Amino acid sequence: MTTPLDPAAVIAEFIDAVSPYNPNPDAAPVAVVGVRTAFGEDVFTLSDHVIRAMCRALAAYRDPEDRGECAGCGGRHLDENLHCRDCGRLHGILGQVIADHARRVAADDTGRHATGPM
């Protein structure tokens, strides 16, 4: 099991990492954020520079669990094999091969029933 992170420490580390690059360090803060966790309580004053850095970090972030949306149900729960945990559809090359094979088998079965047994 992983060690829990202290959210306030993570916020403080982010602020410390981006603050030296603030082109206007004397500008008034634009936000005050309070964080209360099992580790304690902290209050942070955030500059416009820090808020913009948070926005850029969020825009660049890609979750390792994000494998796209299911083409069938639109769900966001594709497993590592691109199998939708919501509706069961398979995606990717494997999913396409299986779907194509299933269509061919269904077409063959339909043809056999329409013309009688072979």
N, C-alpha and C. Protein backbone atom coordinates (compact mmCIF):
# COMPACT_ATOMS: atom_id res chain seq x y z
N MET A 1 0.84 -1.18 0.00
CA MET A 1 0.00 0.00 0.00
C MET A 1 0.89 1.24 0.00
N THR A 2 0.46 2.26 -0.72
CA THR A 2 1.26 3.48 -0.80
C THR A 2 1.01 4.36 0.43
N THR A 3 2.01 5.13 0.76
CA THR A 3 1.90 6.06 1.88
C THR A 3 1.00 7.21 1.46
N PRO A 4 0.05 7.60 2.33
CA PRO A 4 -0.83 8.71 1.96
C PRO A 4 -0.04 10.02 1.84
N LEU A 5 -0.44 10.83 0.88
CA LEU A 5 0.18 12.14 0.69
C LEU A 5 -0.48 13.16 1.61
N ASP A 6 0.28 14.12 2.04
CA ASP A 6 -0.25 15.25 2.80
C ASP A 6 -0.65 16.31 1.77
N PRO A 7 -1.95 16.51 1.55
CA PRO A 7 -2.38 17.47 0.52
C PRO A 7 -1.81 18.86 0.70
N ALA A 8 -1.72 19.33 1.93
CA ALA A 8 -1.18 20.67 2.17
C ALA A 8 0.29 20.73 1.78
N ALA A 9 1.03 19.68 2.05
CA ALA A 9 2.45 19.65 1.67
C ALA A 9 2.59 19.65 0.15
N VAL A 10 1.68 18.97 -0.55
CA VAL A 10 1.72 18.94 -2.02
C VAL A 10 1.46 20.35 -2.57
N ILE A 11 0.47 21.04 -2.01
CA ILE A 11 0.17 22.41 -2.45
C ILE A 11 1.36 23.33 -2.18
N ALA A 12 1.94 23.22 -0.99
CA ALA A 12 3.09 24.05 -0.64
C ALA A 12 4.26 23.78 -1.58
N GLU A 13 4.49 22.52 -1.92
CA GLU A 13 5.57 22.17 -2.84
C GLU A 13 5.33 22.76 -4.23
N PHE A 14 4.07 22.73 -4.69
CA PHE A 14 3.74 23.30 -5.99
C PHE A 14 4.00 24.80 -5.98
N ILE A 15 3.54 25.48 -4.94
CA ILE A 15 3.74 26.93 -4.84
C ILE A 15 5.23 27.26 -4.83
N ASP A 16 6.00 26.50 -4.05
CA ASP A 16 7.45 26.73 -3.99
C ASP A 16 8.12 26.50 -5.34
N ALA A 17 7.61 25.54 -6.10
CA ALA A 17 8.22 25.21 -7.39
C ALA A 17 7.98 26.29 -8.45
N VAL A 18 6.81 26.93 -8.42
CA VAL A 18 6.49 27.90 -9.48
C VAL A 18 6.71 29.35 -9.07
N SER A 19 6.72 29.66 -7.80
CA SER A 19 6.84 31.05 -7.34
C SER A 19 8.10 31.77 -7.80
N PRO A 20 9.25 31.11 -7.86
CA PRO A 20 10.45 31.85 -8.29
C PRO A 20 10.35 32.43 -9.70
N TYR A 21 9.43 31.94 -10.49
CA TYR A 21 9.30 32.39 -11.88
C TYR A 21 8.21 33.45 -12.06
N ASN A 22 7.64 33.91 -10.96
CA ASN A 22 6.59 34.92 -11.02
C ASN A 22 7.17 36.24 -11.52
N PRO A 23 6.69 36.73 -12.68
CA PRO A 23 7.23 37.98 -13.22
C PRO A 23 6.83 39.21 -12.40
N ASN A 24 5.82 39.07 -11.55
CA ASN A 24 5.34 40.19 -10.74
C ASN A 24 5.17 39.73 -9.29
N PRO A 25 6.28 39.48 -8.59
CA PRO A 25 6.19 38.90 -7.25
C PRO A 25 5.56 39.82 -6.21
N ASP A 26 5.45 41.11 -6.49
CA ASP A 26 4.88 42.05 -5.52
C ASP A 26 3.38 42.24 -5.70
N ALA A 27 2.78 41.59 -6.69
CA ALA A 27 1.34 41.72 -6.93
C ALA A 27 0.56 41.12 -5.76
N ALA A 28 -0.59 41.68 -5.52
CA ALA A 28 -1.45 41.18 -4.44
C ALA A 28 -1.95 39.77 -4.76
N PRO A 29 -2.13 38.92 -3.75
CA PRO A 29 -2.67 37.58 -3.99
C PRO A 29 -4.08 37.66 -4.58
N VAL A 30 -4.44 36.68 -5.37
CA VAL A 30 -5.77 36.66 -5.97
C VAL A 30 -6.70 35.65 -5.28
N ALA A 31 -6.12 34.79 -4.41
CA ALA A 31 -6.94 33.80 -3.72
C ALA A 31 -6.27 33.38 -2.42
N VAL A 32 -7.11 33.00 -1.48
CA VAL A 32 -6.65 32.40 -0.23
C VAL A 32 -7.35 31.06 -0.13
N VAL A 33 -6.57 30.00 0.03
CA VAL A 33 -7.13 28.65 0.06
C VAL A 33 -6.78 28.00 1.39
N GLY A 34 -7.80 27.48 2.05
CA GLY A 34 -7.58 26.76 3.29
C GLY A 34 -7.71 25.27 3.05
N VAL A 35 -6.82 24.50 3.68
CA VAL A 35 -6.84 23.04 3.52
C VAL A 35 -6.86 22.41 4.92
N ARG A 36 -7.87 21.60 5.17
CA ARG A 36 -7.96 20.88 6.43
C ARG A 36 -7.92 19.40 6.12
N THR A 37 -6.94 18.70 6.65
CA THR A 37 -6.77 17.28 6.38
C THR A 37 -6.50 16.54 7.69
N ALA A 38 -6.31 15.24 7.59
CA ALA A 38 -5.95 14.45 8.76
C ALA A 38 -4.57 14.85 9.28
N PHE A 39 -3.78 15.52 8.45
CA PHE A 39 -2.43 15.93 8.84
C PHE A 39 -2.42 17.29 9.52
N GLY A 40 -3.50 18.02 9.43
CA GLY A 40 -3.56 19.35 10.03
C GLY A 40 -4.28 20.33 9.13
N GLU A 41 -4.04 21.60 9.40
CA GLU A 41 -4.72 22.67 8.68
C GLU A 41 -3.68 23.68 8.19
N ASP A 42 -3.85 24.15 6.96
CA ASP A 42 -2.95 25.16 6.39
C ASP A 42 -3.76 26.14 5.55
N VAL A 43 -3.23 27.35 5.44
CA VAL A 43 -3.83 28.38 4.60
C VAL A 43 -2.75 28.89 3.65
N PHE A 44 -3.12 29.01 2.37
CA PHE A 44 -2.17 29.43 1.34
C PHE A 44 -2.72 30.66 0.64
N THR A 45 -1.86 31.65 0.42
CA THR A 45 -2.23 32.78 -0.43
C THR A 45 -1.63 32.49 -1.80
N LEU A 46 -2.47 32.62 -2.81
CA LEU A 46 -2.06 32.26 -4.17
C LEU A 46 -2.02 33.48 -5.07
N SER A 47 -0.93 33.61 -5.79
CA SER A 47 -0.80 34.70 -6.76
C SER A 47 -1.45 34.29 -8.08
N ASP A 48 -1.63 35.26 -8.93
CA ASP A 48 -2.14 34.99 -10.27
C ASP A 48 -1.20 34.03 -11.00
N HIS A 49 0.09 34.19 -10.79
CA HIS A 49 1.08 33.32 -11.43
C HIS A 49 0.89 31.86 -11.01
N VAL A 50 0.66 31.63 -9.72
CA VAL A 50 0.46 30.26 -9.23
C VAL A 50 -0.84 29.68 -9.80
N ILE A 51 -1.90 30.46 -9.83
CA ILE A 51 -3.18 29.97 -10.37
C ILE A 51 -3.02 29.62 -11.85
N ARG A 52 -2.31 30.46 -12.61
CA ARG A 52 -2.09 30.16 -14.03
C ARG A 52 -1.24 28.90 -14.19
N ALA A 53 -0.26 28.73 -13.33
CA ALA A 53 0.57 27.51 -13.37
C ALA A 53 -0.28 26.27 -13.07
N MET A 54 -1.20 26.38 -12.13
CA MET A 54 -2.11 25.27 -11.83
C MET A 54 -2.96 24.93 -13.06
N CYS A 55 -3.44 25.97 -13.74
CA CYS A 55 -4.25 25.75 -14.95
C CYS A 55 -3.44 25.03 -16.03
N ARG A 56 -2.20 25.45 -16.23
CA ARG A 56 -1.34 24.80 -17.23
C ARG A 56 -1.03 23.36 -16.83
N ALA A 57 -0.78 23.14 -15.55
CA ALA A 57 -0.50 21.78 -15.07
C ALA A 57 -1.71 20.88 -15.28
N LEU A 58 -2.89 21.40 -14.99
CA LEU A 58 -4.11 20.62 -15.18
C LEU A 58 -4.36 20.32 -16.66
N ALA A 59 -4.13 21.30 -17.51
CA ALA A 59 -4.33 21.09 -18.96
C ALA A 59 -3.35 20.06 -19.52
N ALA A 60 -2.15 19.99 -18.96
CA ALA A 60 -1.13 19.05 -19.45
C ALA A 60 -1.26 17.66 -18.83
N TYR A 61 -2.02 17.54 -17.76
CA TYR A 61 -2.10 16.27 -17.03
C TYR A 61 -2.89 15.22 -17.81
N ARG A 62 -2.35 14.02 -17.87
CA ARG A 62 -3.04 12.87 -18.46
C ARG A 62 -2.99 11.74 -17.44
N ASP A 63 -4.14 11.30 -16.99
CA ASP A 63 -4.20 10.24 -16.00
C ASP A 63 -3.78 8.92 -16.63
N PRO A 64 -2.94 8.15 -15.98
CA PRO A 64 -2.51 6.87 -16.57
C PRO A 64 -3.66 5.88 -16.73
N GLU A 65 -4.74 6.08 -16.02
CA GLU A 65 -5.91 5.20 -16.15
C GLU A 65 -6.83 5.62 -17.30
N ASP A 66 -6.58 6.79 -17.90
CA ASP A 66 -7.44 7.28 -18.99
C ASP A 66 -7.10 6.56 -20.28
N ARG A 67 -8.00 5.72 -20.71
CA ARG A 67 -7.81 4.98 -21.96
C ARG A 67 -8.87 5.37 -22.99
N GLY A 68 -9.49 6.53 -22.77
CA GLY A 68 -10.49 7.03 -23.70
C GLY A 68 -11.90 6.65 -23.29
N GLU A 69 -12.82 6.96 -24.18
CA GLU A 69 -14.24 6.68 -23.95
C GLU A 69 -14.67 5.44 -24.70
N CYS A 70 -15.62 4.74 -24.14
CA CYS A 70 -16.20 3.58 -24.81
C CYS A 70 -17.04 4.07 -26.00
N ALA A 71 -16.82 3.46 -27.14
CA ALA A 71 -17.59 3.82 -28.33
C ALA A 71 -19.03 3.33 -28.23
N GLY A 72 -19.27 2.38 -27.34
CA GLY A 72 -20.62 1.84 -27.18
C GLY A 72 -21.47 2.65 -26.23
N CYS A 73 -20.98 2.83 -24.99
CA CYS A 73 -21.81 3.48 -23.97
C CYS A 73 -21.30 4.85 -23.55
N GLY A 74 -20.11 5.23 -24.02
CA GLY A 74 -19.55 6.54 -23.66
C GLY A 74 -18.88 6.54 -22.30
N GLY A 75 -18.81 5.40 -21.63
CA GLY A 75 -18.19 5.31 -20.31
C GLY A 75 -16.69 5.56 -20.37
N ARG A 76 -16.10 5.85 -19.24
CA ARG A 76 -14.67 6.16 -19.15
C ARG A 76 -13.91 5.06 -18.42
N HIS A 77 -14.46 3.85 -18.37
CA HIS A 77 -13.85 2.78 -17.59
C HIS A 77 -13.33 1.64 -18.47
N LEU A 78 -12.36 1.95 -19.33
CA LEU A 78 -11.73 0.92 -20.14
C LEU A 78 -10.55 0.37 -19.36
N ASP A 79 -10.45 -0.96 -19.27
CA ASP A 79 -9.33 -1.55 -18.53
C ASP A 79 -8.08 -1.61 -19.41
N GLU A 80 -7.01 -2.21 -18.91
CA GLU A 80 -5.75 -2.23 -19.65
C GLU A 80 -5.85 -3.01 -20.96
N ASN A 81 -6.89 -3.83 -21.11
CA ASN A 81 -7.11 -4.56 -22.36
C ASN A 81 -8.15 -3.87 -23.25
N LEU A 82 -8.49 -2.63 -22.91
CA LEU A 82 -9.48 -1.82 -23.63
C LEU A 82 -10.86 -2.48 -23.63
N HIS A 83 -11.17 -3.14 -22.54
CA HIS A 83 -12.47 -3.78 -22.33
C HIS A 83 -13.28 -2.84 -21.45
N CYS A 84 -14.47 -2.43 -21.89
CA CYS A 84 -15.29 -1.50 -21.12
C CYS A 84 -15.92 -2.24 -19.94
N ARG A 85 -15.63 -1.75 -18.74
CA ARG A 85 -16.18 -2.36 -17.53
C ARG A 85 -17.65 -2.02 -17.35
N ASP A 86 -18.15 -1.02 -18.11
CA ASP A 86 -19.56 -0.64 -17.99
C ASP A 86 -20.47 -1.48 -18.88
N CYS A 87 -20.08 -1.66 -20.16
CA CYS A 87 -20.98 -2.37 -21.09
C CYS A 87 -20.37 -3.64 -21.68
N GLY A 88 -19.07 -3.87 -21.46
CA GLY A 88 -18.44 -5.10 -21.94
C GLY A 88 -17.83 -5.03 -23.33
N ARG A 89 -17.95 -3.92 -24.01
CA ARG A 89 -17.41 -3.81 -25.37
C ARG A 89 -15.88 -3.81 -25.34
N LEU A 90 -15.29 -4.47 -26.35
CA LEU A 90 -13.84 -4.45 -26.53
C LEU A 90 -13.47 -3.37 -27.53
N HIS A 91 -12.36 -2.68 -27.29
CA HIS A 91 -11.89 -1.60 -28.16
C HIS A 91 -10.51 -1.91 -28.68
N GLY A 92 -10.01 -1.06 -29.53
CA GLY A 92 -8.67 -1.23 -30.07
C GLY A 92 -8.64 -2.29 -31.16
N ILE A 93 -7.44 -2.70 -31.53
CA ILE A 93 -7.28 -3.67 -32.61
C ILE A 93 -7.92 -5.01 -32.24
N LEU A 94 -7.68 -5.47 -31.02
CA LEU A 94 -8.27 -6.74 -30.59
C LEU A 94 -9.80 -6.66 -30.64
N GLY A 95 -10.35 -5.59 -30.14
CA GLY A 95 -11.80 -5.42 -30.16
C GLY A 95 -12.34 -5.41 -31.58
N GLN A 96 -11.63 -4.74 -32.49
CA GLN A 96 -12.06 -4.68 -33.88
C GLN A 96 -12.01 -6.06 -34.53
N VAL A 97 -10.95 -6.83 -34.27
CA VAL A 97 -10.82 -8.17 -34.84
C VAL A 97 -11.96 -9.06 -34.33
N ILE A 98 -12.24 -8.99 -33.03
CA ILE A 98 -13.31 -9.81 -32.46
C ILE A 98 -14.66 -9.40 -33.03
N ALA A 99 -14.91 -8.08 -33.12
CA ALA A 99 -16.19 -7.60 -33.66
C ALA A 99 -16.36 -8.02 -35.12
N ASP A 100 -15.29 -7.91 -35.93
CA ASP A 100 -15.37 -8.33 -37.33
C ASP A 100 -15.65 -9.83 -37.44
N HIS A 101 -14.98 -10.61 -36.62
CA HIS A 101 -15.20 -12.06 -36.63
C HIS A 101 -16.64 -12.39 -36.23
N ALA A 102 -17.14 -11.71 -35.20
CA ALA A 102 -18.52 -11.96 -34.76
C ALA A 102 -19.52 -11.62 -35.87
N ARG A 103 -19.26 -10.53 -36.63
CA ARG A 103 -20.15 -10.17 -37.74
C ARG A 103 -20.11 -11.24 -38.83
N ARG A 104 -18.90 -11.75 -39.14
CA ARG A 104 -18.77 -12.80 -40.18
C ARG A 104 -19.50 -14.07 -39.74
N VAL A 105 -19.33 -14.46 -38.49
CA VAL A 105 -20.00 -15.67 -37.99
C VAL A 105 -21.52 -15.48 -38.04
N ALA A 106 -21.98 -14.30 -37.63
CA ALA A 106 -23.43 -14.04 -37.67
C ALA A 106 -23.94 -14.06 -39.10
N ALA A 107 -23.18 -13.49 -40.03
CA ALA A 107 -23.60 -13.49 -41.44
C ALA A 107 -23.62 -14.91 -41.99
N ASP A 108 -22.62 -15.73 -41.64
CA ASP A 108 -22.58 -17.13 -42.08
C ASP A 108 -23.78 -17.90 -41.53
N ASP A 109 -24.09 -17.68 -40.26
CA ASP A 109 -25.24 -18.37 -39.66
C ASP A 109 -26.54 -17.95 -40.30
N THR A 110 -26.66 -16.67 -40.63
CA THR A 110 -27.87 -16.19 -41.29
C THR A 110 -28.00 -16.81 -42.67
N GLY A 111 -26.90 -16.90 -43.41
CA GLY A 111 -26.91 -17.49 -44.74
C GLY A 111 -27.28 -18.96 -44.71
N ARG A 112 -26.80 -19.67 -43.72
CA ARG A 112 -27.11 -21.10 -43.62
C ARG A 112 -28.59 -21.33 -43.35
N HIS A 113 -29.13 -20.51 -42.46
CA HIS A 113 -30.54 -20.68 -42.11
C HIS A 113 -31.45 -20.28 -43.25
N ALA A 114 -31.01 -19.31 -44.06
CA ALA A 114 -31.86 -18.83 -45.15
C ALA A 114 -31.92 -19.86 -46.29
N THR A 115 -30.83 -20.59 -46.51
CA THR A 115 -30.80 -21.53 -47.63
C THR A 115 -30.98 -22.98 -47.19
N GLY A 116 -31.12 -23.19 -45.91
CA GLY A 116 -31.27 -24.55 -45.41
C GLY A 116 -29.96 -25.09 -44.92
N PRO A 117 -29.96 -26.27 -44.35
CA PRO A 117 -28.73 -26.84 -43.80
C PRO A 117 -27.74 -27.18 -44.90
N MET A 118 -26.47 -27.08 -44.53
CA MET A 118 -25.41 -27.39 -45.51
C MET A 118 -24.75 -28.69 -45.19
